[in-house]
Protein backbone atom coordinates (compact mmCIF):
# COMPACT_ATOMS: atom_id res chain seq x y z
CA MET A 1 -0.21 -17.03 2.76
CA PRO A 2 -1.30 -13.33 2.84
CA PRO A 3 -1.19 -11.49 6.13
CA ARG A 4 -4.36 -11.63 8.29
CA LEU A 5 -5.77 -8.16 8.47
CA ARG A 6 -7.75 -6.95 11.48
CA ALA A 7 -8.91 -3.63 12.77
CA LEU A 8 -7.29 -2.56 15.96
CA SER A 9 -9.03 -0.25 18.36
CA SER A 10 -7.48 2.45 20.42
CA PRO A 11 -6.13 1.40 23.81
CA LYS A 12 -8.11 4.22 25.44
CA PRO A 13 -10.55 2.61 27.92
CA ILE A 14 -14.22 3.08 27.26
CA ALA A 15 -16.43 3.67 30.26
CA ALA A 16 -18.84 0.86 30.90
CA ALA A 17 -22.53 1.60 31.14
CA ASP A 18 -24.38 0.96 34.39
CA THR A 19 -26.12 -2.38 34.00
CA SER A 20 -26.85 -3.13 37.66
CA ASN A 21 -30.67 -3.12 37.12
CA ALA A 22 -30.66 -4.76 33.70
CA PRO A 23 -31.49 -8.43 33.31
CA ALA A 24 -28.58 -10.78 32.72
CA ASN A 25 -29.60 -11.65 29.17
CA ALA A 26 -30.53 -8.08 28.10
CA PRO A 27 -28.62 -6.85 25.07
CA THR A 28 -26.24 -4.03 25.77
CA ALA A 29 -26.18 -0.91 23.58
CA PRO A 30 -23.02 -0.50 21.54
CA SER A 31 -20.54 1.96 23.09
CA GLU A 32 -19.91 5.08 21.18
CA GLY A 33 -16.09 5.50 21.46
CA PRO A 34 -13.66 6.85 19.02
CA ALA A 35 -13.43 5.20 15.59
CA PRO A 36 -10.92 2.30 15.66
CA LEU A 37 -7.81 2.62 13.52
CA ASP A 38 -7.97 0.34 10.48
CA ALA A 39 -4.53 0.23 8.91
CA ARG A 40 -5.98 -0.99 5.65
CA HIS A 41 -7.67 2.38 5.22
CA PHE A 42 -4.21 3.83 4.65
CA LEU A 43 -2.24 0.96 3.25
CA PHE A 44 -4.37 -0.34 0.34
CA PRO A 45 -4.83 3.12 -1.29
CA LEU A 46 -1.20 3.85 -0.56
CA VAL A 47 -0.11 0.74 -2.51
CA GLU A 48 -2.36 1.68 -5.38
CA ALA A 49 -0.87 5.20 -5.50
CA LEU A 50 2.68 3.94 -5.37
CA SER A 51 2.03 1.47 -8.25
CA GLY A 52 0.41 4.08 -10.40
CA ARG A 53 -3.10 2.60 -10.34
CA ARG A 54 -4.42 5.64 -8.42
CA PRO A 55 -3.49 9.33 -8.65
CA PRO A 56 -1.72 10.28 -5.34
CA ARG A 57 -3.93 13.44 -5.02
CA GLN A 58 -6.83 11.10 -4.21
CA LEU A 59 -5.11 10.40 -0.87
CA SER A 60 -5.34 14.04 0.18
CA GLY A 61 -8.32 13.43 2.50
CA ALA A 62 -6.33 10.88 4.61
CA PHE A 63 -2.69 12.01 4.11
CA ALA A 64 -1.10 15.23 5.25
CA PRO A 65 0.46 17.34 2.48
CA ARG A 66 3.99 16.40 3.58
CA ALA A 67 3.22 12.69 3.51
CA LEU A 68 1.45 13.07 0.16
CA THR A 69 4.45 14.72 -1.34
CA THR A 70 6.57 11.68 -0.42
CA VAL A 71 4.00 9.30 -1.94
CA ALA A 72 3.77 11.30 -5.13
CA ALA A 73 7.60 11.33 -5.50
CA ALA A 74 7.85 7.56 -4.97
CA ALA A 75 5.00 6.66 -7.36
CA THR A 76 6.09 4.56 -10.31
CA PRO A 77 4.06 2.43 -12.79
CA THR A 78 5.28 -0.87 -11.46
CA ARG A 79 3.61 -3.72 -9.77
CA THR A 80 3.78 -3.04 -6.01
CA ARG A 81 2.25 -5.22 -3.40
CA LEU A 82 2.03 -4.92 0.37
CA GLY A 83 4.16 -7.20 2.45
CA ARG A 84 3.99 -7.65 6.18
CA TYR A 85 3.24 -4.70 8.38
CA ARG A 86 2.93 -3.83 12.06
CA LEU A 87 0.78 -1.34 13.85
CA CYS A 88 1.85 0.16 17.21
CA HIS A 89 -0.30 2.55 19.25
CA VAL A 90 2.06 5.03 20.86
CA SER A 91 -0.83 7.01 22.53
CA PRO A 92 -4.62 6.89 22.35
CA ASP A 93 -4.50 9.37 19.51
CA ALA A 94 -1.37 8.28 17.63
CA ALA A 95 -0.09 5.11 16.01
CA GLU A 96 2.87 4.07 13.95
CA LEU A 97 2.94 1.71 11.02
CA ALA A 98 5.99 -0.06 9.64
CA GLY A 99 6.23 -2.73 6.94
CA THR A 100 7.53 -3.72 3.53
CA LEU A 101 6.49 -3.09 -0.05
CA HIS A 102 7.39 -5.70 -2.64
CA MET A 103 8.33 -4.19 -6.00
CA PRO A 104 9.50 -6.10 -9.12
CA THR A 105 13.26 -5.49 -8.54
CA LYS A 106 13.50 -4.98 -4.74
CA VAL A 107 11.74 -4.89 -1.38
CA ARG A 108 11.42 -1.46 0.33
CA ALA A 109 10.57 -0.68 3.92
CA PHE A 110 8.22 2.04 4.98
CA ALA A 111 7.36 3.82 8.13
CA ALA A 112 4.29 6.03 8.78
CA ARG A 113 2.71 7.96 11.67
CA VAL A 114 -1.01 8.13 11.91
CA GLU A 115 -2.78 10.61 14.27
CA ARG A 116 -6.41 11.12 15.20
CA GLN A 117 -7.76 14.45 14.29
CA GLY A 118 -11.27 14.85 15.56
CA SER A 119 -13.03 11.58 14.76
CA ARG A 120 -10.82 10.60 11.80
CA TRP A 121 -7.27 9.27 11.46
CA HIS A 122 -4.80 11.02 9.23
CA CYS A 123 -1.32 9.93 8.06
CA THR A 124 0.95 12.81 9.13
CA GLU A 125 4.32 11.23 8.25
CA PHE A 126 5.31 8.76 5.59
CA HIS A 127 8.87 7.55 4.78
CA LEU A 128 9.91 5.05 2.18
CA LEU A 129 13.39 3.68 2.76
CA PRO A 130 15.70 3.02 -0.21
């Protein structure tokens, strides 16, 4: 069974709007908080780049140059698929990802740090363990 993917939002509290005069069944306006971190935004293109189906330079918008260098060095034309992964928010503007990548001959672990820069999330560190 493949892992269930879900978008996790930042643990930063969002201020509630004043609804003291609103009727009980009135719809509330969506809050405009920071964009939630969706780990799939980084992981699916990463797996495609590592398996040679996508040029690593296409990740330059979401990956820092140092992380992109690591991805480009590890890219091989082999069938790679994403195993289980975990996402941990270490602060409202930073999160860490860890998981496994299943390759034809072995399983490798990875670790990544993702930080919010303005309204977007960027992968600042990426490490692929041997």
